[in-house]
Amino acid sequence: MPKPSPTRYRRTNWSEYNAALRQRGSLSVWFDPGTVWQAGKTGKRGRPETFSDAAVQVCLTLKV
């Protein structure tokens, strides 16, 4: 049984579409200036971590 072809949505009125996107609003993200982005030294062997746990958590939260 062949797969059904995916639905294609075509936008014909781009100016209206862009205006609708602008009307949705914006999202502002504020970061605490005291947030530590670089990971500290652990004293363990191997490659050191680049980013702190807080920085990774912020990125994962924004992704969701």
N, C-alpha and C. Protein backbone atom coordinates (compact mmCIF):
# COMPACT_ATOMS: atom_id res chain seq x y z
N MET A 1 0.85 -1.17 0.00
CA MET A 1 0.00 0.00 0.00
C MET A 1 0.90 1.24 0.00
N PRO A 2 0.72 2.12 -0.96
CA PRO A 2 1.59 3.31 -1.02
C PRO A 2 1.27 4.31 0.08
N LYS A 3 2.29 5.06 0.45
CA LYS A 3 2.10 6.10 1.46
C LYS A 3 1.27 7.24 0.87
N PRO A 4 0.40 7.84 1.68
CA PRO A 4 -0.33 9.00 1.16
C PRO A 4 0.63 10.19 1.03
N SER A 5 0.42 10.98 0.00
CA SER A 5 1.31 12.13 -0.19
C SER A 5 1.03 13.17 0.88
N PRO A 6 2.08 13.83 1.37
CA PRO A 6 1.87 14.83 2.42
C PRO A 6 1.10 16.04 1.89
N THR A 7 0.33 16.64 2.78
CA THR A 7 -0.43 17.81 2.41
C THR A 7 0.50 19.00 2.24
N ARG A 8 0.34 19.73 1.17
CA ARG A 8 1.16 20.91 0.93
C ARG A 8 0.31 22.15 1.14
N TYR A 9 0.79 23.01 1.99
CA TYR A 9 0.10 24.26 2.23
C TYR A 9 0.83 25.36 1.48
N ARG A 10 0.09 26.06 0.65
CA ARG A 10 0.72 27.13 -0.13
C ARG A 10 0.16 28.47 0.32
N ARG A 11 1.06 29.37 0.55
CA ARG A 11 0.69 30.70 0.99
C ARG A 11 0.63 31.58 -0.25
N THR A 12 -0.50 32.27 -0.47
CA THR A 12 -0.62 33.10 -1.65
C THR A 12 -0.54 34.58 -1.33
N ASN A 13 -0.93 34.97 -0.13
CA ASN A 13 -0.91 36.37 0.24
C ASN A 13 0.16 36.59 1.31
N TRP A 14 1.40 36.77 0.87
CA TRP A 14 2.52 36.84 1.79
C TRP A 14 2.47 38.09 2.67
N SER A 15 1.99 39.21 2.15
CA SER A 15 1.95 40.42 2.97
C SER A 15 0.99 40.25 4.14
N GLU A 16 -0.13 39.60 3.90
CA GLU A 16 -1.10 39.35 4.98
C GLU A 16 -0.53 38.36 6.00
N TYR A 17 0.16 37.35 5.49
CA TYR A 17 0.77 36.35 6.37
C TYR A 17 1.84 36.98 7.26
N ASN A 18 2.69 37.83 6.70
CA ASN A 18 3.73 38.50 7.48
C ASN A 18 3.13 39.44 8.52
N ALA A 19 2.05 40.14 8.16
CA ALA A 19 1.39 41.03 9.10
C ALA A 19 0.80 40.23 10.26
N ALA A 20 0.25 39.06 9.98
CA ALA A 20 -0.31 38.21 11.03
C ALA A 20 0.79 37.72 11.97
N LEU A 21 1.97 37.42 11.45
CA LEU A 21 3.08 37.00 12.30
C LEU A 21 3.53 38.13 13.21
N ARG A 22 3.55 39.36 12.70
CA ARG A 22 3.94 40.51 13.51
C ARG A 22 2.92 40.78 14.62
N GLN A 23 1.66 40.50 14.37
CA GLN A 23 0.63 40.77 15.36
C GLN A 23 0.63 39.77 16.50
N ARG A 24 1.30 38.66 16.32
CA ARG A 24 1.34 37.64 17.38
C ARG A 24 2.05 38.14 18.62
N GLY A 25 2.95 39.08 18.47
CA GLY A 25 3.67 39.60 19.62
C GLY A 25 5.11 39.13 19.62
N SER A 26 5.78 39.41 20.72
CA SER A 26 7.18 39.03 20.84
C SER A 26 7.43 38.40 22.20
N LEU A 27 8.54 37.77 22.30
CA LEU A 27 8.93 37.10 23.53
C LEU A 27 10.26 37.69 23.98
N SER A 28 10.28 38.22 25.18
CA SER A 28 11.52 38.76 25.73
C SER A 28 12.03 37.81 26.80
N VAL A 29 13.30 37.52 26.74
CA VAL A 29 13.93 36.64 27.72
C VAL A 29 14.98 37.45 28.46
N TRP A 30 14.88 37.48 29.77
CA TRP A 30 15.81 38.22 30.61
C TRP A 30 16.68 37.23 31.36
N PHE A 31 17.98 37.46 31.36
CA PHE A 31 18.92 36.60 32.07
C PHE A 31 19.51 37.37 33.24
N ASP A 32 19.72 36.68 34.33
CA ASP A 32 20.38 37.26 35.49
C ASP A 32 21.84 37.48 35.15
N PRO A 33 22.36 38.70 35.33
CA PRO A 33 23.77 38.94 34.99
C PRO A 33 24.73 38.10 35.83
N GLY A 34 24.28 37.61 36.95
CA GLY A 34 25.15 36.81 37.80
C GLY A 34 25.19 35.34 37.44
N THR A 35 24.47 34.94 36.41
CA THR A 35 24.46 33.54 36.00
C THR A 35 25.83 33.12 35.48
N VAL A 36 26.31 31.99 35.95
CA VAL A 36 27.60 31.47 35.53
C VAL A 36 27.38 30.57 34.32
N TRP A 37 27.93 30.95 33.18
CA TRP A 37 27.73 30.19 31.95
C TRP A 37 28.84 29.18 31.71
N GLN A 38 30.04 29.49 32.15
CA GLN A 38 31.17 28.59 31.95
C GLN A 38 31.28 27.62 33.13
N ALA A 39 31.57 26.38 32.83
CA ALA A 39 31.71 25.38 33.89
C ALA A 39 33.02 25.59 34.64
N GLY A 40 32.97 25.35 35.93
CA GLY A 40 34.18 25.46 36.73
C GLY A 40 35.04 24.23 36.60
N LYS A 41 36.26 24.33 37.07
CA LYS A 41 37.18 23.19 37.01
C LYS A 41 36.78 22.18 38.08
N THR A 42 36.78 20.91 37.71
CA THR A 42 36.38 19.86 38.64
C THR A 42 37.57 19.16 39.27
N GLY A 43 38.72 19.21 38.62
CA GLY A 43 39.89 18.53 39.13
C GLY A 43 39.93 17.06 38.73
N LYS A 44 38.96 16.62 37.95
CA LYS A 44 38.93 15.23 37.49
C LYS A 44 39.67 15.10 36.17
N ARG A 45 40.02 13.88 35.84
CA ARG A 45 40.68 13.61 34.58
C ARG A 45 39.67 13.66 33.44
N GLY A 46 40.18 13.89 32.23
CA GLY A 46 39.33 13.91 31.06
C GLY A 46 39.04 15.32 30.59
N ARG A 47 38.24 15.39 29.57
CA ARG A 47 37.91 16.69 29.00
C ARG A 47 37.02 17.49 29.95
N PRO A 48 37.35 18.75 30.18
CA PRO A 48 36.52 19.55 31.08
C PRO A 48 35.21 19.95 30.42
N GLU A 49 34.19 20.16 31.24
CA GLU A 49 32.91 20.59 30.72
C GLU A 49 33.04 22.02 30.22
N THR A 50 32.25 22.37 29.21
CA THR A 50 32.30 23.70 28.64
C THR A 50 31.31 24.62 29.32
N PHE A 51 30.08 24.15 29.50
CA PHE A 51 29.02 24.98 30.06
C PHE A 51 28.59 24.46 31.42
N SER A 52 28.11 25.38 32.25
CA SER A 52 27.65 24.99 33.58
C SER A 52 26.30 24.29 33.48
N ASP A 53 25.91 23.63 34.57
CA ASP A 53 24.62 22.95 34.59
C ASP A 53 23.47 23.95 34.42
N ALA A 54 23.62 25.14 34.97
CA ALA A 54 22.58 26.16 34.84
C ALA A 54 22.41 26.58 33.39
N ALA A 55 23.50 26.72 32.65
CA ALA A 55 23.42 27.11 31.24
C ALA A 55 22.73 26.03 30.41
N VAL A 56 23.04 24.78 30.68
CA VAL A 56 22.41 23.68 29.96
C VAL A 56 20.92 23.64 30.28
N GLN A 57 20.55 23.86 31.54
CA GLN A 57 19.15 23.85 31.94
C GLN A 57 18.38 24.97 31.25
N VAL A 58 18.98 26.15 31.12
CA VAL A 58 18.33 27.27 30.44
C VAL A 58 18.06 26.92 28.98
N CYS A 59 19.05 26.35 28.31
CA CYS A 59 18.88 26.00 26.90
C CYS A 59 17.80 24.93 26.72
N LEU A 60 17.76 23.94 27.57
CA LEU A 60 16.74 22.91 27.47
C LEU A 60 15.35 23.47 27.75
N THR A 61 15.25 24.42 28.68
CA THR A 61 13.96 25.04 28.98
C THR A 61 13.47 25.85 27.81
N LEU A 62 14.34 26.60 27.16
CA LEU A 62 13.95 27.39 25.99
C LEU A 62 13.56 26.50 24.83
N LYS A 63 14.19 25.34 24.73
CA LYS A 63 13.87 24.42 23.65
C LYS A 63 12.45 23.89 23.78
N VAL A 64 12.04 23.63 25.02
CA VAL A 64 10.68 23.11 25.25
C VAL A 64 9.69 24.20 24.96
